[in-house]
Amino acid sequence: MLDREFERIGKRLFMEGLVGANFGNMSVRGEAGFYITRSGAYLDAGETPVFVPDAGDAPREASSEYRVHRAVYREKPHSAIVHAHPVHAVAASLDNDLVRPADSEGAMLCPEIPVVTGNPGTDEIAENVAGALRDGHIVIVRGHGTFAAGKTLDEAYIYTSITEYACRILFLSGRLRGVL
């Protein structure tokens, strides 16, 4: 069942252009740990996720972003995380520390989207993302991608999709640069 959920959401992410090739990852909280996509996995291929314990070493085949997922689950009782690479959101992160959607859905569901820094796969990105998700559901890592957290993979996917849509609107309206 979990495999099908990962594949279903992975296909949506890929079809909407929110991930490309083998970029991105997803996880779902389990008992004493979480299940995460494999390193280098194509999210739309339905590969079996890997279990990562709450503490200790992660399996070698786990996504290199497992540190972020672990840190987020420690900070807040989110149950699912989606990490994607939406093009417009990444572009918006290059010149802004905070994105404020101008469209009605974005403004209503995520009125302020923080932008944080950190190199992929590091403790720095894990701490920064977890800190930003304490009080919200979505964050953009400058030049890298989004991390969305929610009760389900569907909810995390929705926040990812809303963020990309909001950033696309900002780009098309000419509001992408400067204070948004």
Foldseek 3Di string as FASTA:
>chain_A
DVLVQQQVLLVVCVVVVQADQQDWKKWFDDVQFIWIQFARDRSNPSDGTATQGLDDDGDPRGHLQRLLVSLLVVQDVFGMKIWTAQPLLLLLLQADQWDAFPDPVCCVQPRIEGEAEDDGSDNRVSVGNSVRPNPHAWYAYHNGTMMGTHNDSVRSSVNRVSSSVRSVVCVVVVNSHDYD
